[in-house]
Amino acid sequence: MKQIFVASLMMCCLVSAAIVTNAQAVKVTENKEKKQYDVTVDGQPFTSYVFWDDQKKPILYPLRTSKGTTVTRGFPLEKVAGERTDHPHHISAWFNYGNINGVDFWNTPPEGVKRDRGVIEKFGTIKHRSAKIVKNGKGVAQMNASMDWIMPDGSKIMQEDDQIFFRAGKDVRIIDRVITLTAQKEKVVFNDSKEGALGIRVTRTLEEPSNKPEVFTDANGVPTKVPVMDNAGVAGVYLSSEGKIGEKEAWGTRAKWMTLSGTVKGEDVVVGIFDHPKNPTYPTYWHARGYGLFAANPFGAKEFTKGAKTLNYTLEPGQTLTLRFRILIHSGKLTKEQTESLYAQFLTDVTN
């Protein structure tokens, strides 16, 4: 046991040293005309924080590895041969939730994308309000962004204030989000829903191979068909910190981290989401689907436990909630022990 601990500690130190020693110039640049902030590493694109007029929420689009390989799905923003075209509200990487006081902030595709759902629903919108570049530099850049969660009647139910850290080193790209949500004049209830919260929709080859069509039903009973597709090169595998492998084992379980491993355009890739011990519902539940949706959901207890637990997390007027997550994009394979070391580094980097 002692040997395992020492080996893990050494790996953590090596990973930390690699990020510091191989630190690259990370820069955030505002593009006012396009309504986005572009993030580059040594001049090469990593991702962009975008808040275009037709979007119902700010997103990070796309996500790339240190080699420049895109790991997120292009649809519905661009057409990529062989990609799925289901769930048009799954756009690259985002944060929102499916049931805030009965209003859906999750199932919200961009303007102009058909929403053929067959029922009348209440949708909310998350509007970008302001952003500030805090720092650019070796190994890390930071921007702060503020957003308003807007109800269908135009009222502001919550304010979101994010600290977003972009980190880079050899083979590693990282996004840390410290998300503070503040209830406004009304009580805010995160009614238990599987549809949340920090989500990524990955590119086709990171999906699990599918051998039969699936139908997924949302909280309003609306079905979405996910057909069988060509599985050539498709070999994504989920792994949780608790040793759960694949959607069948991992979906709806709780864990401090989850990774999705596979190959994209010949490059071994690991995409991970880390939950933080300071988050009030740690360890989070996982809404991790084989068709490419990868999400950490702190609030969906009832649906993930088949009714055994109900949370209905509530903020009173003026009360705040802070959540901390890391998105890891690693070029090359990772063992469970190596991921644990990277998780330990996350706890060192994000302490507030």
Protein backbone atom coordinates (compact mmCIF):
# COMPACT_ATOMS: atom_id res chain seq x y z
CA MET A 1 0.00 0.00 0.00
CA LYS A 2 2.86 2.33 0.89
CA GLN A 3 4.52 1.62 -2.47
CA ILE A 4 1.31 2.49 -4.32
CA PHE A 5 1.01 5.77 -2.40
CA VAL A 6 4.65 6.70 -3.09
CA ALA A 7 4.29 5.83 -6.78
CA SER A 8 1.12 7.95 -7.02
CA LEU A 9 2.82 10.85 -5.26
CA MET A 10 5.80 10.64 -7.61
CA MET A 11 3.50 10.62 -10.63
CA CYS A 12 1.65 13.68 -9.29
CA CYS A 13 4.94 15.51 -8.89
CA LEU A 14 6.02 14.50 -12.40
CA VAL A 15 2.73 15.70 -13.90
CA SER A 16 2.93 18.99 -12.00
CA ALA A 17 6.55 19.47 -13.01
CA ALA A 18 5.69 18.71 -16.63
CA ILE A 19 3.06 21.43 -16.72
CA VAL A 20 5.42 23.94 -15.11
CA THR A 21 8.60 22.96 -16.96
CA ASN A 22 6.86 22.70 -20.32
CA ALA A 23 4.57 25.66 -19.66
CA GLN A 24 3.34 27.24 -22.84
CA ALA A 25 2.11 30.76 -23.47
CA VAL A 26 -1.64 30.75 -22.89
CA LYS A 27 -3.51 33.81 -24.14
CA VAL A 28 -7.12 34.95 -24.14
CA THR A 29 -8.02 37.52 -26.81
CA GLU A 30 -11.33 39.31 -27.20
CA ASN A 31 -12.97 39.27 -30.64
CA LYS A 32 -15.70 41.88 -30.35
CA GLU A 33 -16.97 41.45 -33.89
CA LYS A 34 -17.56 37.71 -33.49
CA LYS A 35 -18.76 38.01 -29.87
CA GLN A 36 -16.24 35.55 -28.48
CA TYR A 37 -12.99 35.26 -26.57
CA ASP A 38 -10.36 33.13 -28.29
CA VAL A 39 -7.88 31.04 -26.31
CA THR A 40 -4.54 30.14 -27.86
CA VAL A 41 -1.50 28.18 -26.68
CA ASP A 42 1.78 29.31 -28.22
CA GLY A 43 -0.34 30.99 -30.88
CA GLN A 44 -2.30 27.85 -31.76
CA PRO A 45 -6.09 27.67 -31.13
CA PHE A 46 -7.30 25.78 -28.08
CA THR A 47 -10.92 26.88 -27.66
CA SER A 48 -13.20 29.93 -27.66
CA TYR A 49 -15.72 31.23 -25.15
CA VAL A 50 -18.59 32.22 -27.44
CA PHE A 51 -21.85 34.08 -26.85
CA TRP A 52 -23.31 34.52 -30.32
CA ASP A 53 -26.77 36.06 -30.66
CA ASP A 54 -28.40 32.81 -31.77
CA GLN A 55 -27.08 30.79 -28.84
CA LYS A 56 -29.24 30.06 -25.79
CA LYS A 57 -26.18 29.75 -23.55
CA PRO A 58 -22.47 30.64 -23.70
CA ILE A 59 -20.36 27.69 -24.81
CA LEU A 60 -16.71 26.68 -25.15
CA TYR A 61 -16.25 25.72 -28.81
CA PRO A 62 -14.51 23.62 -29.92
CA LEU A 63 -12.19 21.77 -27.53
CA ARG A 64 -8.80 20.71 -28.93
CA THR A 65 -5.89 18.56 -27.79
CA SER A 66 -2.30 19.80 -27.54
CA LYS A 67 -1.84 18.53 -31.11
CA GLY A 68 -4.78 20.56 -32.36
CA THR A 69 -7.20 17.65 -32.75
CA THR A 70 -10.84 18.54 -32.11
CA VAL A 71 -12.52 16.27 -29.56
CA THR A 72 -16.01 17.85 -29.55
CA ARG A 73 -18.85 17.29 -32.00
CA GLY A 74 -19.37 19.89 -34.74
CA PHE A 75 -23.16 19.56 -35.06
CA PRO A 76 -25.28 21.71 -35.08
CA LEU A 77 -22.74 24.48 -35.76
CA GLU A 78 -21.00 22.68 -38.61
CA LYS A 79 -21.53 19.58 -40.69
CA VAL A 80 -18.98 16.81 -40.21
CA ALA A 81 -19.26 13.61 -42.22
CA GLY A 82 -20.24 10.63 -40.10
CA GLU A 83 -21.36 12.60 -37.04
CA ARG A 84 -24.66 12.08 -35.28
CA THR A 85 -27.30 14.80 -35.61
CA ASP A 86 -29.39 14.07 -32.51
CA HIS A 87 -29.81 16.39 -29.50
CA PRO A 88 -28.95 19.73 -31.19
CA HIS A 89 -28.74 21.37 -27.75
CA HIS A 90 -25.56 19.37 -27.02
CA ILE A 91 -23.10 21.96 -28.32
CA SER A 92 -19.39 21.36 -27.62
CA ALA A 93 -19.01 22.23 -23.88
CA TRP A 94 -21.45 24.10 -21.65
CA PHE A 95 -23.01 24.56 -18.20
CA ASN A 96 -26.77 24.68 -17.59
CA TYR A 97 -29.62 22.63 -16.10
CA GLY A 98 -32.88 21.00 -17.13
CA ASN A 99 -35.29 22.10 -14.41
CA ILE A 100 -34.99 25.43 -12.61
CA ASN A 101 -38.33 26.21 -10.94
CA GLY A 102 -39.98 24.12 -13.66
CA VAL A 103 -38.14 25.86 -16.51
CA ASP A 104 -35.81 23.98 -18.88
CA PHE A 105 -32.41 25.56 -19.53
CA TRP A 106 -30.95 22.34 -21.01
CA ASN A 107 -32.94 21.45 -24.14
CA THR A 108 -32.25 24.73 -25.91
CA PRO A 109 -30.71 24.52 -29.41
CA PRO A 110 -29.60 27.65 -31.30
CA GLU A 111 -32.07 29.84 -33.15
CA GLY A 112 -32.95 28.40 -36.55
CA VAL A 113 -32.47 24.77 -35.45
CA LYS A 114 -35.76 22.90 -35.56
CA ARG A 115 -37.09 21.90 -32.17
CA ASP A 116 -39.43 19.06 -33.18
CA ARG A 117 -40.52 18.00 -29.73
CA GLY A 118 -44.29 17.78 -30.00
CA VAL A 119 -45.06 19.39 -26.63
CA ILE A 120 -45.29 22.88 -25.20
CA GLU A 121 -42.38 23.51 -22.87
CA LYS A 122 -40.95 26.38 -20.87
CA PHE A 123 -37.39 27.20 -21.93
CA GLY A 124 -34.92 29.50 -20.23
CA THR A 125 -31.95 31.35 -21.69
CA ILE A 126 -28.51 32.09 -20.27
CA LYS A 127 -27.35 35.48 -21.54
CA HIS A 128 -23.72 36.57 -21.46
CA ARG A 129 -23.47 39.91 -19.64
CA SER A 130 -19.78 40.76 -19.36
CA ALA A 131 -16.27 39.32 -19.41
CA LYS A 132 -12.81 40.40 -18.36
CA ILE A 133 -9.39 39.03 -19.24
CA VAL A 134 -7.65 38.72 -15.87
CA LYS A 135 -4.27 37.37 -16.96
CA ASN A 136 -2.33 35.80 -19.79
CA GLY A 137 0.94 33.99 -19.23
CA LYS A 138 3.08 30.89 -19.14
CA GLY A 139 1.05 27.83 -18.35
CA VAL A 140 -2.21 29.57 -17.49
CA ALA A 141 -4.60 32.34 -18.52
CA GLN A 142 -7.73 33.47 -16.73
CA MET A 143 -10.91 35.20 -17.74
CA ASN A 144 -13.95 36.03 -15.63
CA ALA A 145 -17.43 35.99 -17.16
CA SER A 146 -20.88 36.92 -15.89
CA MET A 147 -24.20 35.60 -17.19
CA ASP A 148 -27.89 36.05 -16.44
CA TRP A 149 -30.27 33.09 -16.26
CA ILE A 150 -33.47 34.42 -17.83
CA MET A 151 -36.92 32.90 -17.37
CA PRO A 152 -39.52 32.74 -20.18
CA ASP A 153 -41.21 35.91 -18.83
CA GLY A 154 -37.94 37.85 -19.11
CA SER A 155 -37.16 37.90 -15.39
CA LYS A 156 -33.67 37.12 -14.08
CA ILE A 157 -33.76 34.10 -11.79
CA MET A 158 -30.01 33.70 -11.20
CA GLN A 159 -26.72 35.43 -11.84
CA GLU A 160 -23.72 33.32 -12.79
CA ASP A 161 -20.18 34.56 -12.21
CA ASP A 162 -17.39 32.31 -13.49
CA GLN A 163 -13.66 32.26 -13.04
CA ILE A 164 -12.34 30.29 -16.02
CA PHE A 165 -8.73 29.13 -16.04
CA PHE A 166 -7.10 27.79 -19.21
CA ARG A 167 -3.97 25.73 -18.54
CA ALA A 168 -1.50 24.10 -20.91
CA GLY A 169 1.58 21.94 -20.84
CA LYS A 170 3.10 19.10 -22.81
CA ASP A 171 0.28 16.78 -23.92
CA VAL A 172 -2.19 18.53 -21.60
CA ARG A 173 -4.98 21.07 -22.05
CA ILE A 174 -7.11 22.03 -19.04
CA ILE A 175 -10.16 24.20 -18.35
CA ASP A 176 -11.02 24.95 -14.72
CA ARG A 177 -14.38 26.57 -14.03
CA VAL A 178 -15.26 28.06 -10.67
CA ILE A 179 -18.97 28.78 -11.08
CA THR A 180 -20.85 30.96 -8.58
CA LEU A 181 -24.63 31.06 -8.89
CA THR A 182 -26.62 33.70 -7.00
CA ALA A 183 -30.39 33.54 -6.58
CA GLN A 184 -32.13 36.83 -7.27
CA LYS A 185 -35.51 37.89 -5.89
CA GLU A 186 -37.07 34.42 -5.96
CA LYS A 187 -36.18 31.08 -4.42
CA VAL A 188 -34.35 28.85 -6.91
CA VAL A 189 -35.04 25.12 -6.93
CA PHE A 190 -32.87 22.73 -8.94
CA ASN A 191 -35.60 20.13 -9.30
CA ASP A 192 -34.05 16.67 -9.69
CA SER A 193 -33.37 16.01 -13.36
CA LYS A 194 -30.85 13.89 -15.23
CA GLU A 195 -30.40 16.77 -17.70
CA GLY A 196 -27.44 18.71 -16.38
CA ALA A 197 -25.08 20.29 -15.78
CA LEU A 198 -21.44 20.60 -16.92
CA GLY A 199 -21.63 18.89 -20.29
CA ILE A 200 -19.46 17.95 -23.26
CA ARG A 201 -20.63 16.37 -26.53
CA VAL A 202 -17.72 14.49 -28.02
CA THR A 203 -16.73 13.68 -31.57
CA ARG A 204 -17.92 10.43 -33.15
CA THR A 205 -14.88 8.20 -32.56
CA LEU A 206 -14.97 8.90 -28.80
CA GLU A 207 -18.47 7.42 -28.58
CA GLU A 208 -19.05 3.86 -27.48
CA PRO A 209 -19.78 1.49 -30.39
CA SER A 210 -23.55 1.09 -30.85
CA ASN A 211 -25.07 -2.20 -31.98
CA LYS A 212 -28.74 -1.25 -31.78
CA PRO A 213 -30.89 1.88 -32.08
CA GLU A 214 -31.74 3.70 -28.85
CA VAL A 215 -34.55 6.00 -27.75
CA PHE A 216 -33.77 8.44 -24.93
CA THR A 217 -36.62 10.24 -23.16
CA ASP A 218 -36.24 13.60 -21.44
CA ALA A 219 -37.91 14.81 -18.24
CA ASN A 220 -41.03 15.83 -20.20
CA GLY A 221 -41.40 12.40 -21.76
CA VAL A 222 -40.18 13.56 -25.17
CA PRO A 223 -38.26 10.78 -26.99
CA THR A 224 -35.14 11.29 -29.10
CA LYS A 225 -34.12 8.46 -31.42
CA VAL A 226 -30.41 7.65 -31.67
CA PRO A 227 -29.90 5.26 -34.59
CA VAL A 228 -27.21 2.65 -35.15
CA MET A 229 -24.32 4.02 -37.20
CA ASP A 230 -21.10 2.79 -38.79
CA ASN A 231 -18.83 1.84 -35.90
CA ALA A 232 -15.55 1.94 -37.83
CA GLY A 233 -12.95 3.59 -35.57
CA VAL A 234 -15.48 4.15 -32.77
CA ALA A 235 -14.03 2.86 -29.51
CA GLY A 236 -14.71 5.28 -26.62
CA VAL A 237 -14.52 3.88 -23.08
CA TYR A 238 -15.73 5.56 -19.88
CA LEU A 239 -13.81 4.98 -16.65
CA SER A 240 -14.81 6.39 -13.25
CA SER A 241 -12.68 6.92 -10.15
CA GLU A 242 -14.69 4.07 -8.60
CA GLY A 243 -13.62 1.65 -11.35
CA LYS A 244 -16.90 1.70 -13.30
CA ILE A 245 -16.31 1.02 -17.00
CA GLY A 246 -18.63 1.96 -19.87
CA GLU A 247 -22.07 3.57 -19.85
CA LYS A 248 -23.84 0.50 -18.47
CA GLU A 249 -21.72 0.55 -15.31
CA ALA A 250 -20.99 4.27 -14.98
CA TRP A 251 -24.22 6.09 -15.89
CA GLY A 252 -26.02 7.49 -12.84
CA THR A 253 -23.27 6.50 -10.42
CA ARG A 254 -21.31 8.88 -8.20
CA ALA A 255 -17.58 9.45 -8.56
CA LYS A 256 -15.03 12.21 -8.08
CA TRP A 257 -13.86 11.95 -11.69
CA MET A 258 -14.75 10.31 -14.97
CA THR A 259 -12.68 9.91 -18.13
CA LEU A 260 -13.56 9.01 -21.70
CA SER A 261 -10.71 7.43 -23.67
CA GLY A 262 -10.38 6.69 -27.37
CA THR A 263 -8.64 7.59 -30.61
CA VAL A 264 -9.33 10.66 -32.74
CA LYS A 265 -7.69 10.87 -36.16
CA GLY A 266 -4.96 8.49 -35.05
CA GLU A 267 -4.29 10.30 -31.76
CA ASP A 268 -4.88 8.59 -28.41
CA VAL A 269 -7.04 10.97 -26.39
CA VAL A 270 -8.43 11.09 -22.85
CA VAL A 271 -11.17 13.58 -22.00
CA GLY A 272 -11.91 13.93 -18.29
CA ILE A 273 -14.23 15.83 -15.97
CA PHE A 274 -13.17 16.27 -12.33
CA ASP A 275 -15.51 17.11 -9.46
CA HIS A 276 -14.23 19.02 -6.43
CA PRO A 277 -14.61 18.05 -2.73
CA LYS A 278 -15.80 21.58 -1.91
CA ASN A 279 -18.84 21.16 -4.16
CA PRO A 280 -21.89 20.71 -1.90
CA THR A 281 -23.09 17.45 -3.48
CA TYR A 282 -19.65 15.85 -3.98
CA PRO A 283 -19.12 13.31 -5.40
CA THR A 284 -21.27 14.17 -8.40
CA TYR A 285 -23.60 11.93 -10.38
CA TRP A 286 -22.65 11.16 -13.98
CA HIS A 287 -24.93 11.59 -16.98
CA ALA A 288 -22.48 9.76 -19.27
CA ARG A 289 -24.05 8.33 -22.42
CA GLY A 290 -22.44 6.00 -24.91
CA TYR A 291 -23.64 8.17 -27.83
CA GLY A 292 -21.25 10.94 -26.80
CA LEU A 293 -22.89 13.05 -24.08
CA PHE A 294 -20.49 13.38 -21.14
CA ALA A 295 -21.82 15.37 -18.18
CA ALA A 296 -21.33 15.84 -14.45
CA ASN A 297 -24.68 16.40 -12.72
CA PRO A 298 -24.64 17.37 -9.03
CA PHE A 299 -28.44 17.73 -8.79
CA GLY A 300 -30.18 14.75 -10.40
CA ALA A 301 -30.39 12.39 -7.43
CA LYS A 302 -33.99 11.20 -7.90
CA GLU A 303 -33.54 10.13 -11.52
CA PHE A 304 -30.14 8.55 -10.97
CA THR A 305 -31.28 6.57 -7.91
CA LYS A 306 -34.66 5.56 -9.42
CA GLY A 307 -36.49 7.54 -6.77
CA ALA A 308 -34.54 6.31 -3.75
CA LYS A 309 -33.21 9.82 -3.03
CA THR A 310 -34.59 13.27 -3.76
CA LEU A 311 -32.45 16.39 -3.52
CA ASN A 312 -34.28 19.41 -5.00
CA TYR A 313 -31.28 21.59 -4.18
CA THR A 314 -32.56 25.04 -3.19
CA LEU A 315 -31.15 28.55 -3.05
CA GLU A 316 -33.04 31.15 -1.05
CA PRO A 317 -33.17 34.73 -2.45
CA GLY A 318 -29.67 36.21 -2.36
CA GLN A 319 -28.03 32.89 -1.49
CA THR A 320 -25.03 31.69 -3.51
CA LEU A 321 -23.73 28.32 -4.66
CA THR A 322 -20.17 27.76 -5.91
CA LEU A 323 -19.23 24.76 -8.05
CA ARG A 324 -15.74 23.81 -9.19
CA PHE A 325 -14.96 21.53 -12.13
CA ARG A 326 -12.00 20.65 -14.31
CA ILE A 327 -12.13 19.58 -17.94
CA LEU A 328 -9.00 17.64 -18.88
CA ILE A 329 -7.92 16.94 -22.45
CA HIS A 330 -4.90 14.65 -22.56
CA SER A 331 -2.98 13.56 -25.64
CA GLY A 332 -1.92 9.97 -24.99
CA LYS A 333 -3.27 7.17 -22.83
CA LEU A 334 -3.73 7.41 -19.05
CA THR A 335 -3.96 4.72 -16.43
CA LYS A 336 -6.33 5.03 -13.48
CA GLU A 337 -3.33 5.79 -11.25
CA GLN A 338 -2.10 8.55 -13.57
CA THR A 339 -5.58 10.07 -13.61
CA GLU A 340 -5.60 10.03 -9.80
CA SER A 341 -2.36 11.99 -9.90
CA LEU A 342 -3.85 14.54 -12.27
CA TYR A 343 -6.86 14.78 -9.97
CA ALA A 344 -4.55 15.50 -7.03
CA GLN A 345 -3.02 18.33 -9.07
CA PHE A 346 -6.51 19.74 -9.64
CA LEU A 347 -7.01 19.96 -5.87
CA THR A 348 -3.71 21.85 -5.62
CA ASP A 349 -4.59 24.25 -8.43
CA VAL A 350 -8.18 25.00 -7.37
CA THR A 351 -8.47 25.72 -3.66
CA ASN A 352 -11.03 28.53 -3.40
